[in-house]
PDB file of all heavy atoms in Angstrom:
ATOM      1  N   ARG A   1       2.347  -5.703  14.055  1.00  0.00           N
ATOM      2  CA  ARG A   1       3.426  -6.628  13.742  1.00  0.00           C
ATOM      3  C   ARG A   1       2.912  -8.056  13.625  1.00  0.00           C
ATOM      4  O   ARG A   1       1.820  -8.381  14.062  1.00  0.00           O
ATOM      5  CB  ARG A   1       4.504  -6.527  14.817  1.00  0.00           C
ATOM      6  CG  ARG A   1       5.255  -5.215  14.757  1.00  0.00           C
ATOM      7  CD  ARG A   1       6.454  -5.207  15.652  1.00  0.00           C
ATOM      8  NE  ARG A   1       6.141  -4.741  16.984  1.00  0.00           N
ATOM      9  CZ  ARG A   1       7.060  -4.471  17.903  1.00  0.00           C
ATOM     10  NH1 ARG A   1       8.328  -4.623  17.625  1.00  0.00           N
ATOM     11  NH2 ARG A   1       6.719  -4.048  19.106  1.00  0.00           N
ATOM     12  N   GLY A   2       3.737  -8.897  13.033  1.00  0.00           N
ATOM     13  CA  GLY A   2       3.403 -10.303  12.948  1.00  0.00           C
ATOM     14  C   GLY A   2       2.458 -10.644  11.819  1.00  0.00           C
ATOM     15  O   GLY A   2       1.970 -11.772  11.736  1.00  0.00           O
ATOM     16  N   ILE A   3       2.174  -9.690  10.917  1.00  0.00           N
ATOM     17  CA  ILE A   3       1.274  -9.963   9.794  1.00  0.00           C
ATOM     18  C   ILE A   3       2.108 -10.393   8.597  1.00  0.00           C
ATOM     19  O   ILE A   3       3.000  -9.663   8.148  1.00  0.00           O
ATOM     20  CB  ILE A   3       0.433  -8.723   9.433  1.00  0.00           C
ATOM     21  CG1 ILE A   3      -0.399  -8.273  10.633  1.00  0.00           C
ATOM     22  CG2 ILE A   3      -0.480  -9.027   8.249  1.00  0.00           C
ATOM     23  CD1 ILE A   3      -1.189  -7.000  10.393  1.00  0.00           C
ATOM     24  N   ASP A   4       1.811 -11.552   8.090  1.00  0.00           N
ATOM     25  CA  ASP A   4       2.520 -12.097   6.944  1.00  0.00           C
ATOM     26  C   ASP A   4       2.452 -11.135   5.758  1.00  0.00           C
ATOM     27  O   ASP A   4       1.379 -10.654   5.398  1.00  0.00           O
ATOM     28  CB  ASP A   4       1.893 -13.442   6.571  1.00  0.00           C
ATOM     29  CG  ASP A   4       2.576 -14.116   5.400  1.00  0.00           C
ATOM     30  OD1 ASP A   4       3.808 -14.007   5.284  1.00  0.00           O
ATOM     31  OD2 ASP A   4       1.863 -14.764   4.608  1.00  0.00           O
ATOM     32  N   ALA A   5       3.606 -10.828   5.152  1.00  0.00           N
ATOM     33  CA  ALA A   5       3.693 -10.021   3.929  1.00  0.00           C
ATOM     34  C   ALA A   5       3.055  -8.648   4.065  1.00  0.00           C
ATOM     35  O   ALA A   5       2.567  -8.081   3.090  1.00  0.00           O
ATOM     36  CB  ALA A   5       3.066 -10.773   2.757  1.00  0.00           C
ATOM     37  N   ILE A   6       3.095  -8.058   5.272  1.00  0.00           N
ATOM     38  CA  ILE A   6       2.461  -6.747   5.448  1.00  0.00           C
ATOM     39  C   ILE A   6       3.142  -5.683   4.590  1.00  0.00           C
ATOM     40  O   ILE A   6       2.501  -4.716   4.168  1.00  0.00           O
ATOM     41  CB  ILE A   6       2.469  -6.338   6.941  1.00  0.00           C
ATOM     42  CG1 ILE A   6       1.663  -5.061   7.164  1.00  0.00           C
ATOM     43  CG2 ILE A   6       3.893  -6.200   7.465  1.00  0.00           C
ATOM     44  CD1 ILE A   6       0.204  -5.149   6.773  1.00  0.00           C
ATOM     45  N   ASP A   7       4.430  -5.860   4.299  1.00  0.00           N
ATOM     46  CA  ASP A   7       5.111  -4.890   3.428  1.00  0.00           C
ATOM     47  C   ASP A   7       4.550  -4.944   2.006  1.00  0.00           C
ATOM     48  O   ASP A   7       4.295  -3.905   1.385  1.00  0.00           O
ATOM     49  CB  ASP A   7       6.621  -5.131   3.424  1.00  0.00           C
ATOM     50  CG  ASP A   7       7.012  -6.566   3.086  1.00  0.00           C
ATOM     51  OD1 ASP A   7       6.148  -7.474   3.175  1.00  0.00           O
ATOM     52  OD2 ASP A   7       8.191  -6.783   2.740  1.00  0.00           O
ATOM     53  N   ARG A   8       4.304  -6.161   1.497  1.00  0.00           N
ATOM     54  CA  ARG A   8       3.746  -6.283   0.146  1.00  0.00           C
ATOM     55  C   ARG A   8       2.295  -5.809   0.090  1.00  0.00           C
ATOM     56  O   ARG A   8       1.857  -5.220  -0.903  1.00  0.00           O
ATOM     57  CB  ARG A   8       3.849  -7.735  -0.325  1.00  0.00           C
ATOM     58  CG  ARG A   8       5.279  -8.155  -0.695  1.00  0.00           C
ATOM     59  CD  ARG A   8       5.294  -9.554  -1.278  1.00  0.00           C
ATOM     60  NE  ARG A   8       5.141 -10.566  -0.236  1.00  0.00           N
ATOM     61  CZ  ARG A   8       4.637 -11.774  -0.435  1.00  0.00           C
ATOM     62  NH1 ARG A   8       4.195 -12.114  -1.640  1.00  0.00           N
ATOM     63  NH2 ARG A   8       4.557 -12.651   0.547  1.00  0.00           N
ATOM     64  N   ILE A   9       1.565  -6.053   1.160  1.00  0.00           N
ATOM     65  CA  ILE A   9       0.181  -5.584   1.220  1.00  0.00           C
ATOM     66  C   ILE A   9       0.143  -4.062   1.210  1.00  0.00           C
ATOM     67  O   ILE A   9      -0.631  -3.437   0.474  1.00  0.00           O
ATOM     68  CB  ILE A   9      -0.515  -6.129   2.483  1.00  0.00           C
ATOM     69  CG1 ILE A   9      -0.664  -7.648   2.399  1.00  0.00           C
ATOM     70  CG2 ILE A   9      -1.884  -5.478   2.678  1.00  0.00           C
ATOM     71  CD1 ILE A   9      -1.169  -8.281   3.683  1.00  0.00           C
ATOM     72  N   THR A  10       0.992  -3.450   2.022  1.00  0.00           N
ATOM     73  CA  THR A  10       1.039  -1.990   2.101  1.00  0.00           C
ATOM     74  C   THR A  10       1.465  -1.386   0.767  1.00  0.00           C
ATOM     75  O   THR A  10       0.894  -0.392   0.304  1.00  0.00           O
ATOM     76  CB  THR A  10       1.999  -1.547   3.213  1.00  0.00           C
ATOM     77  OG1 THR A  10       1.603  -2.151   4.456  1.00  0.00           O
ATOM     78  CG2 THR A  10       1.998  -0.034   3.380  1.00  0.00           C
ATOM     79  N   ALA A  11       2.463  -1.994   0.144  1.00  0.00           N
ATOM     80  CA  ALA A  11       2.936  -1.495  -1.154  1.00  0.00           C
ATOM     81  C   ALA A  11       1.833  -1.595  -2.206  1.00  0.00           C
ATOM     82  O   ALA A  11       1.660  -0.692  -3.034  1.00  0.00           O
ATOM     83  CB  ALA A  11       4.167  -2.279  -1.602  1.00  0.00           C
ATOM     84  N   ALA A  12       1.070  -2.690  -2.167  1.00  0.00           N
ATOM     85  CA  ALA A  12      -0.015  -2.868  -3.134  1.00  0.00           C
ATOM     86  C   ALA A  12      -1.118  -1.840  -2.916  1.00  0.00           C
ATOM     87  O   ALA A  12      -1.710  -1.328  -3.873  1.00  0.00           O
ATOM     88  CB  ALA A  12      -0.577  -4.283  -3.033  1.00  0.00           C
ATOM     89  N   CYS A  13      -1.407  -1.514  -1.660  1.00  0.00           N
ATOM     90  CA  CYS A  13      -2.399  -0.469  -1.364  1.00  0.00           C
ATOM     91  C   CYS A  13      -1.922   0.882  -1.879  1.00  0.00           C
ATOM     92  O   CYS A  13      -2.681   1.633  -2.521  1.00  0.00           O
ATOM     93  CB  CYS A  13      -2.653  -0.390   0.138  1.00  0.00           C
ATOM     94  SG  CYS A  13      -3.624  -1.733   0.819  1.00  0.00           S
ATOM     95  N   ALA A  14      -0.669   1.215  -1.590  1.00  0.00           N
ATOM     96  CA  ALA A  14      -0.121   2.495  -2.043  1.00  0.00           C
ATOM     97  C   ALA A  14      -0.151   2.581  -3.562  1.00  0.00           C
ATOM     98  O   ALA A  14      -0.518   3.624  -4.134  1.00  0.00           O
ATOM     99  CB  ALA A  14       1.306   2.663  -1.516  1.00  0.00           C
ATOM    100  N   ALA A  15       0.220   1.487  -4.233  1.00  0.00           N
ATOM    101  CA  ALA A  15       0.236   1.477  -5.702  1.00  0.00           C
ATOM    102  C   ALA A  15      -1.172   1.668  -6.259  1.00  0.00           C
ATOM    103  O   ALA A  15      -1.365   2.387  -7.257  1.00  0.00           O
ATOM    104  CB  ALA A  15       0.838   0.163  -6.201  1.00  0.00           C
ATOM    105  N   PHE A  16      -2.169   1.051  -5.634  1.00  0.00           N
ATOM    106  CA  PHE A  16      -3.544   1.193  -6.114  1.00  0.00           C
ATOM    107  C   PHE A  16      -3.999   2.647  -6.028  1.00  0.00           C
ATOM    108  O   PHE A  16      -4.559   3.190  -6.988  1.00  0.00           O
ATOM    109  CB  PHE A  16      -4.479   0.307  -5.282  1.00  0.00           C
ATOM    110  CG  PHE A  16      -5.935   0.533  -5.592  1.00  0.00           C
ATOM    111  CD1 PHE A  16      -6.544  -0.120  -6.658  1.00  0.00           C
ATOM    112  CD2 PHE A  16      -6.694   1.415  -4.827  1.00  0.00           C
ATOM    113  CE1 PHE A  16      -7.886   0.103  -6.956  1.00  0.00           C
ATOM    114  CE2 PHE A  16      -8.031   1.647  -5.115  1.00  0.00           C
ATOM    115  CZ  PHE A  16      -8.628   0.980  -6.177  1.00  0.00           C
ATOM    116  N   PHE A  17      -3.765   3.271  -4.883  1.00  0.00           N
ATOM    117  CA  PHE A  17      -4.233   4.653  -4.730  1.00  0.00           C
ATOM    118  C   PHE A  17      -3.487   5.609  -5.654  1.00  0.00           C
ATOM    119  O   PHE A  17      -4.078   6.565  -6.179  1.00  0.00           O
ATOM    120  CB  PHE A  17      -4.128   5.084  -3.268  1.00  0.00           C
ATOM    121  CG  PHE A  17      -5.202   4.488  -2.395  1.00  0.00           C
ATOM    122  CD1 PHE A  17      -4.887   3.618  -1.364  1.00  0.00           C
ATOM    123  CD2 PHE A  17      -6.534   4.786  -2.626  1.00  0.00           C
ATOM    124  CE1 PHE A  17      -5.880   3.058  -0.580  1.00  0.00           C
ATOM    125  CE2 PHE A  17      -7.540   4.227  -1.847  1.00  0.00           C
ATOM    126  CZ  PHE A  17      -7.211   3.364  -0.818  1.00  0.00           C
ATOM    127  N   LYS A  18      -2.217   5.356  -5.888  1.00  0.00           N
ATOM    128  CA  LYS A  18      -1.496   6.193  -6.848  1.00  0.00           C
ATOM    129  C   LYS A  18      -2.044   5.992  -8.255  1.00  0.00           C
ATOM    130  O   LYS A  18      -2.160   6.946  -9.038  1.00  0.00           O
ATOM    131  CB  LYS A  18       0.008   5.879  -6.805  1.00  0.00           C
ATOM    132  CG  LYS A  18       0.691   6.418  -5.551  1.00  0.00           C
ATOM    133  CD  LYS A  18       2.199   6.460  -5.659  1.00  0.00           C
ATOM    134  CE  LYS A  18       2.819   5.097  -5.626  1.00  0.00           C
ATOM    135  NZ  LYS A  18       4.311   5.174  -5.605  1.00  0.00           N
ATOM    136  N   ARG A  19      -2.414   4.766  -8.556  1.00  0.00           N
ATOM    137  CA  ARG A  19      -2.930   4.449  -9.893  1.00  0.00           C
ATOM    138  C   ARG A  19      -4.255   5.161 -10.181  1.00  0.00           C
ATOM    139  O   ARG A  19      -4.547   5.513 -11.325  1.00  0.00           O
ATOM    140  CB  ARG A  19      -3.096   2.933 -10.031  1.00  0.00           C
ATOM    141  CG  ARG A  19      -3.388   2.469 -11.447  1.00  0.00           C
ATOM    142  CD  ARG A  19      -3.116   0.981 -11.623  1.00  0.00           C
ATOM    143  NE  ARG A  19      -3.866   0.148 -10.706  1.00  0.00           N
ATOM    144  CZ  ARG A  19      -3.332  -0.537  -9.701  1.00  0.00           C
ATOM    145  NH1 ARG A  19      -2.029  -0.496  -9.474  1.00  0.00           N
ATOM    146  NH2 ARG A  19      -4.083  -1.276  -8.913  1.00  0.00           N
ATOM    147  N   ILE A  20      -5.077   5.399  -9.153  1.00  0.00           N
ATOM    148  CA  ILE A  20      -6.349   6.085  -9.388  1.00  0.00           C
ATOM    149  C   ILE A  20      -6.241   7.589  -9.151  1.00  0.00           C
ATOM    150  O   ILE A  20      -7.251   8.293  -9.071  1.00  0.00           O
ATOM    151  CB  ILE A  20      -7.488   5.488  -8.539  1.00  0.00           C
ATOM    152  CG1 ILE A  20      -7.239   5.684  -7.035  1.00  0.00           C
ATOM    153  CG2 ILE A  20      -7.686   4.006  -8.859  1.00  0.00           C
ATOM    154  CD1 ILE A  20      -8.424   5.259  -6.147  1.00  0.00           C
ATOM    155  N   GLY A  21      -4.989   8.066  -9.030  1.00  0.00           N
ATOM    156  CA  GLY A  21      -4.764   9.507  -8.980  1.00  0.00           C
ATOM    157  C   GLY A  21      -4.690  10.116  -7.598  1.00  0.00           C
ATOM    158  O   GLY A  21      -4.684  11.349  -7.469  1.00  0.00           O
ATOM    159  N   CYS A  22      -4.631   9.300  -6.556  1.00  0.00           N
ATOM    160  CA  CYS A  22      -4.550   9.824  -5.185  1.00  0.00           C
ATOM    161  C   CYS A  22      -3.094   9.986  -4.758  1.00  0.00           C
ATOM    162  O   CYS A  22      -2.168   9.529  -5.445  1.00  0.00           O
ATOM    163  CB  CYS A  22      -5.269   8.887  -4.216  1.00  0.00           C
ATOM    164  SG  CYS A  22      -7.029   8.703  -4.533  1.00  0.00           S
ATOM    165  N   SER A  23      -2.904  10.632  -3.619  1.00  0.00           N
ATOM    166  CA  SER A  23      -1.560  10.832  -3.058  1.00  0.00           C
ATOM    167  C   SER A  23      -1.502  10.165  -1.681  1.00  0.00           C
ATOM    168  O   SER A  23      -1.796  10.798  -0.656  1.00  0.00           O
ATOM    169  CB  SER A  23      -1.242  12.323  -2.933  1.00  0.00           C
ATOM    170  OG  SER A  23      -1.231  12.943  -4.196  1.00  0.00           O
ATOM    171  N   PRO A  24      -1.153   8.879  -1.630  1.00  0.00           N
ATOM    172  CA  PRO A  24      -1.116   8.170  -0.342  1.00  0.00           C
ATOM    173  C   PRO A  24       0.174   8.439   0.437  1.00  0.00           C
ATOM    174  O   PRO A  24       1.219   8.754  -0.136  1.00  0.00           O
ATOM    175  CB  PRO A  24      -1.191   6.705  -0.753  1.00  0.00           C
ATOM    176  CG  PRO A  24      -0.533   6.668  -2.101  1.00  0.00           C
ATOM    177  CD  PRO A  24      -0.879   7.982  -2.767  1.00  0.00           C
ATOM    178  N   PHE A  25       0.063   8.345   1.742  1.00  0.00           N
ATOM    179  CA  PHE A  25       1.245   8.352   2.612  1.00  0.00           C
ATOM    180  C   PHE A  25       0.929   7.454   3.808  1.00  0.00           C
ATOM    181  O   PHE A  25      -0.227   7.097   4.048  1.00  0.00           O
ATOM    182  CB  PHE A  25       1.631   9.761   3.052  1.00  0.00           C
ATOM    183  CG  PHE A  25       0.590  10.488   3.869  1.00  0.00           C
ATOM    184  CD1 PHE A  25       0.586  10.422   5.251  1.00  0.00           C
ATOM    185  CD2 PHE A  25      -0.378  11.259   3.238  1.00  0.00           C
ATOM    186  CE1 PHE A  25      -0.371  11.092   6.005  1.00  0.00           C
ATOM    187  CE2 PHE A  25      -1.341  11.943   3.976  1.00  0.00           C
ATOM    188  CZ  PHE A  25      -1.343  11.861   5.372  1.00  0.00           C
ATOM    189  N   ILE A  26       1.957   7.073   4.534  1.00  0.00           N
ATOM    190  CA  ILE A  26       1.807   6.107   5.624  1.00  0.00           C
ATOM    191  C   ILE A  26       1.842   6.816   6.971  1.00  0.00           C
ATOM    192  O   ILE A  26       2.693   7.682   7.211  1.00  0.00           O
ATOM    193  CB  ILE A  26       2.919   5.045   5.551  1.00  0.00           C
ATOM    194  CG1 ILE A  26       2.717   4.176   4.311  1.00  0.00           C
ATOM    195  CG2 ILE A  26       2.931   4.173   6.812  1.00  0.00           C
ATOM    196  CD1 ILE A  26       3.898   3.315   3.970  1.00  0.00           C
TER     197      ILE A  26
END
């Protein structure tokens, strides 16, 4: 907790892995 924009960071990571054909989950 307490990390600035952690939701946007997480979403960007998930989007990257989906873009290269992976199946990410949290």
